[in-house]
Each structure stands twice: as structure tokens, then as C-alpha cells.
């Protein structure tokens, strides 16, 4: 994932992040590829748990954190 994802975005990358969040216990809601309120809230919960900026946006810092977790799995 190389793009910033935020509320209002749609597409395969959004669906992938929804799946990832749901699989890791963050309730992103339906995996429909629409970055809505539930997805934003799940991103904020994840960011808060990992002690990174809690803006609800999948930016570089959040992407790096997700990638680090994936490498550890």
C-alpha cells in the first residue's frame, strides 16, 4: 500500500485494510471497499493502541506500523 487512505476513499486498498483491521480485532465493519465512519474509527483505535498519531488516516506512519506487524506474523 503506497497511497494515503482516508474517509470517503473507495476501492481494493480500502477493502484490504478493512479485512486487515477486522482480522486483527479492530471492528472496521463490512469489508465493502468504502472507507466510512466504522473504518475510520477502527483505524483510530489501531493508531491509539500502537501509540501513533490518531488521525483516522492510513498515512505513512500507519502503513509502516502495519507492515512491521505483518513481518512479525
N, C-alpha and C. Protein backbone atom coordinates (compact mmCIF):
# COMPACT_ATOMS: atom_id res chain seq x y z
N UNK A 1 0.85 -1.18 0.00
CA UNK A 1 0.00 0.00 0.00
C UNK A 1 0.90 1.24 0.00
N UNK A 2 0.70 2.11 -0.94
CA UNK A 2 1.56 3.28 -1.04
C UNK A 2 0.78 4.59 -0.98
N UNK A 3 -0.52 4.52 -1.08
CA UNK A 3 -1.33 5.73 -1.09
C UNK A 3 -1.88 6.01 0.30
N UNK A 4 -2.13 7.27 0.56
CA UNK A 4 -2.84 7.64 1.78
C UNK A 4 -4.30 7.26 1.58
N UNK A 5 -4.88 6.62 2.58
CA UNK A 5 -6.30 6.27 2.54
C UNK A 5 -7.01 7.01 3.66
N UNK A 6 -8.16 7.57 3.31
CA UNK A 6 -8.92 8.35 4.29
C UNK A 6 -10.41 8.19 4.04
N UNK A 7 -11.19 8.69 5.00
CA UNK A 7 -12.64 8.59 4.89
C UNK A 7 -13.12 9.17 3.56
N UNK A 8 -13.99 8.43 2.90
CA UNK A 8 -14.51 8.83 1.60
C UNK A 8 -13.85 8.10 0.44
N UNK A 9 -12.67 7.51 0.69
CA UNK A 9 -11.99 6.75 -0.35
C UNK A 9 -12.69 5.41 -0.57
N UNK A 10 -12.52 4.87 -1.76
CA UNK A 10 -13.11 3.57 -2.09
C UNK A 10 -12.10 2.75 -2.88
N UNK A 11 -12.34 1.45 -2.93
CA UNK A 11 -11.52 0.60 -3.78
C UNK A 11 -10.92 -0.59 -3.07
N UNK A 12 -10.09 -1.30 -3.83
CA UNK A 12 -9.49 -2.55 -3.35
C UNK A 12 -8.59 -2.33 -2.14
N UNK A 13 -7.82 -1.24 -2.13
CA UNK A 13 -6.93 -0.99 -0.99
C UNK A 13 -7.73 -0.77 0.29
N UNK A 14 -8.87 -0.10 0.16
CA UNK A 14 -9.73 0.11 1.33
C UNK A 14 -10.27 -1.23 1.81
N UNK A 15 -10.72 -2.05 0.89
CA UNK A 15 -11.24 -3.38 1.25
C UNK A 15 -10.15 -4.20 1.95
N UNK A 16 -8.93 -4.12 1.45
CA UNK A 16 -7.82 -4.85 2.06
C UNK A 16 -7.56 -4.37 3.48
N UNK A 17 -7.57 -3.06 3.70
CA UNK A 17 -7.31 -2.54 5.05
C UNK A 17 -8.47 -2.88 5.98
N UNK A 18 -9.70 -2.87 5.47
CA UNK A 18 -10.84 -3.29 6.29
C UNK A 18 -10.66 -4.74 6.74
N UNK A 19 -10.26 -5.59 5.81
CA UNK A 19 -10.04 -7.00 6.14
C UNK A 19 -8.93 -7.13 7.19
N UNK A 20 -7.84 -6.41 6.99
CA UNK A 20 -6.71 -6.48 7.93
C UNK A 20 -7.15 -6.02 9.32
N UNK A 21 -7.85 -4.90 9.39
CA UNK A 21 -8.30 -4.39 10.68
C UNK A 21 -9.24 -5.38 11.36
N UNK A 22 -10.21 -5.90 10.63
CA UNK A 22 -11.13 -6.88 11.20
C UNK A 22 -10.39 -8.12 11.70
N UNK A 23 -9.43 -8.59 10.92
CA UNK A 23 -8.67 -9.79 11.28
C UNK A 23 -7.81 -9.58 12.53
N UNK A 24 -7.48 -8.32 12.82
CA UNK A 24 -6.64 -8.01 13.97
C UNK A 24 -7.43 -7.44 15.14
N UNK A 25 -8.75 -7.61 15.10
CA UNK A 25 -9.59 -7.25 16.24
C UNK A 25 -10.09 -5.82 16.27
N UNK A 26 -9.88 -5.08 15.21
CA UNK A 26 -10.38 -3.71 15.13
C UNK A 26 -11.61 -3.73 14.23
N UNK A 27 -12.73 -3.35 14.77
CA UNK A 27 -14.02 -3.51 14.09
C UNK A 27 -14.23 -2.46 13.00
N UNK A 28 -13.80 -2.80 11.79
CA UNK A 28 -13.92 -1.89 10.66
C UNK A 28 -15.25 -2.03 9.94
N UNK A 29 -16.08 -2.97 10.38
CA UNK A 29 -17.38 -3.16 9.74
C UNK A 29 -17.28 -4.01 8.50
N UNK A 30 -18.28 -3.86 7.65
CA UNK A 30 -18.35 -4.64 6.41
C UNK A 30 -17.14 -4.34 5.53
N UNK A 31 -16.59 -5.38 4.95
CA UNK A 31 -15.44 -5.23 4.05
C UNK A 31 -15.95 -4.95 2.64
N UNK A 32 -16.40 -3.70 2.46
CA UNK A 32 -17.08 -3.31 1.22
C UNK A 32 -16.25 -2.38 0.34
N UNK A 33 -15.06 -2.03 0.79
CA UNK A 33 -14.21 -1.14 -0.01
C UNK A 33 -14.58 0.32 0.08
N UNK A 34 -15.42 0.67 1.06
CA UNK A 34 -15.81 2.07 1.26
C UNK A 34 -15.27 2.51 2.62
N UNK A 35 -14.39 3.49 2.62
CA UNK A 35 -13.77 3.99 3.85
C UNK A 35 -14.76 4.94 4.52
N UNK A 36 -15.57 4.38 5.39
CA UNK A 36 -16.58 5.16 6.09
C UNK A 36 -16.24 5.35 7.55
N UNK A 37 -17.25 5.71 8.32
CA UNK A 37 -17.07 6.04 9.73
C UNK A 37 -16.52 4.86 10.54
N UNK A 38 -17.05 3.65 10.31
CA UNK A 38 -16.57 2.48 11.06
C UNK A 38 -15.11 2.18 10.75
N UNK A 39 -14.74 2.31 9.50
CA UNK A 39 -13.34 2.07 9.14
C UNK A 39 -12.45 3.13 9.78
N UNK A 40 -12.87 4.38 9.71
CA UNK A 40 -12.09 5.46 10.34
C UNK A 40 -11.93 5.20 11.84
N UNK A 41 -13.03 4.83 12.50
CA UNK A 41 -12.96 4.57 13.94
C UNK A 41 -12.03 3.40 14.26
N UNK A 42 -12.05 2.37 13.42
CA UNK A 42 -11.16 1.23 13.62
C UNK A 42 -9.70 1.65 13.44
N UNK A 43 -9.44 2.49 12.46
CA UNK A 43 -8.08 3.00 12.24
C UNK A 43 -7.63 3.79 13.46
N UNK A 44 -8.49 4.63 14.00
CA UNK A 44 -8.15 5.42 15.19
C UNK A 44 -7.86 4.50 16.37
N UNK A 45 -8.66 3.46 16.55
CA UNK A 45 -8.42 2.50 17.64
C UNK A 45 -7.06 1.83 17.47
N UNK A 46 -6.75 1.42 16.25
CA UNK A 46 -5.46 0.80 15.96
C UNK A 46 -4.33 1.78 16.26
N UNK A 47 -4.45 3.00 15.75
CA UNK A 47 -3.40 4.01 15.95
C UNK A 47 -3.20 4.29 17.44
N UNK A 48 -4.28 4.39 18.17
CA UNK A 48 -4.19 4.64 19.61
C UNK A 48 -3.50 3.49 20.33
N UNK A 49 -3.86 2.27 19.97
CA UNK A 49 -3.25 1.09 20.59
C UNK A 49 -1.76 1.01 20.31
N UNK A 50 -1.34 1.49 19.16
CA UNK A 50 0.07 1.43 18.77
C UNK A 50 0.82 2.72 19.09
N UNK A 51 0.12 3.66 19.73
CA UNK A 51 0.72 4.92 20.18
C UNK A 51 1.35 5.72 19.04
N UNK A 52 0.59 5.81 17.95
CA UNK A 52 0.99 6.66 16.83
C UNK A 52 -0.10 7.72 16.64
N UNK A 53 0.13 8.67 15.76
CA UNK A 53 -0.82 9.76 15.54
C UNK A 53 -2.20 9.20 15.25
N UNK A 54 -3.19 9.66 16.00
CA UNK A 54 -4.56 9.15 15.87
C UNK A 54 -5.40 10.11 15.03
N UNK A 55 -5.24 10.00 13.71
CA UNK A 55 -5.96 10.89 12.81
C UNK A 55 -6.99 10.16 11.95
N UNK A 56 -7.06 8.83 12.07
CA UNK A 56 -8.03 8.07 11.29
C UNK A 56 -7.68 7.93 9.82
N UNK A 57 -6.45 8.28 9.48
CA UNK A 57 -5.97 8.22 8.10
C UNK A 57 -4.87 7.17 8.01
N UNK A 58 -4.90 6.38 6.94
CA UNK A 58 -3.82 5.42 6.70
C UNK A 58 -2.74 6.17 5.93
N UNK A 59 -1.86 6.81 6.67
CA UNK A 59 -0.73 7.52 6.08
C UNK A 59 0.54 6.72 6.26
N UNK A 60 1.68 7.35 6.05
CA UNK A 60 2.95 6.62 6.07
C UNK A 60 3.24 5.98 7.42
N UNK A 61 3.01 6.69 8.51
CA UNK A 61 3.31 6.14 9.83
C UNK A 61 2.45 4.91 10.12
N UNK A 62 1.18 4.98 9.78
CA UNK A 62 0.28 3.85 10.00
C UNK A 62 0.66 2.69 9.08
N UNK A 63 0.99 2.99 7.83
CA UNK A 63 1.41 1.94 6.89
C UNK A 63 2.65 1.22 7.40
N UNK A 64 3.62 1.97 7.88
CA UNK A 64 4.86 1.37 8.40
C UNK A 64 4.56 0.46 9.58
N UNK A 65 3.67 0.89 10.46
CA UNK A 65 3.30 0.09 11.62
C UNK A 65 2.62 -1.20 11.20
N UNK A 66 1.71 -1.12 10.24
CA UNK A 66 1.03 -2.32 9.72
C UNK A 66 2.05 -3.27 9.09
N UNK A 67 2.95 -2.73 8.28
CA UNK A 67 3.97 -3.56 7.63
C UNK A 67 4.87 -4.25 8.65
N UNK A 68 5.21 -3.54 9.72
CA UNK A 68 6.05 -4.13 10.77
C UNK A 68 5.32 -5.30 11.44
N UNK A 69 4.03 -5.12 11.71
CA UNK A 69 3.24 -6.19 12.32
C UNK A 69 3.16 -7.39 11.38
N UNK A 70 2.95 -7.13 10.09
CA UNK A 70 2.86 -8.23 9.12
C UNK A 70 4.16 -9.03 9.06
N UNK A 71 5.29 -8.36 9.18
CA UNK A 71 6.58 -9.06 9.15
C UNK A 71 6.76 -9.95 10.38
N UNK A 72 6.16 -9.53 11.50
CA UNK A 72 6.28 -10.28 12.75
C UNK A 72 5.36 -11.50 12.77
N UNK A 73 4.35 -11.53 11.91
CA UNK A 73 3.37 -12.62 11.93
C UNK A 73 3.88 -13.85 11.22
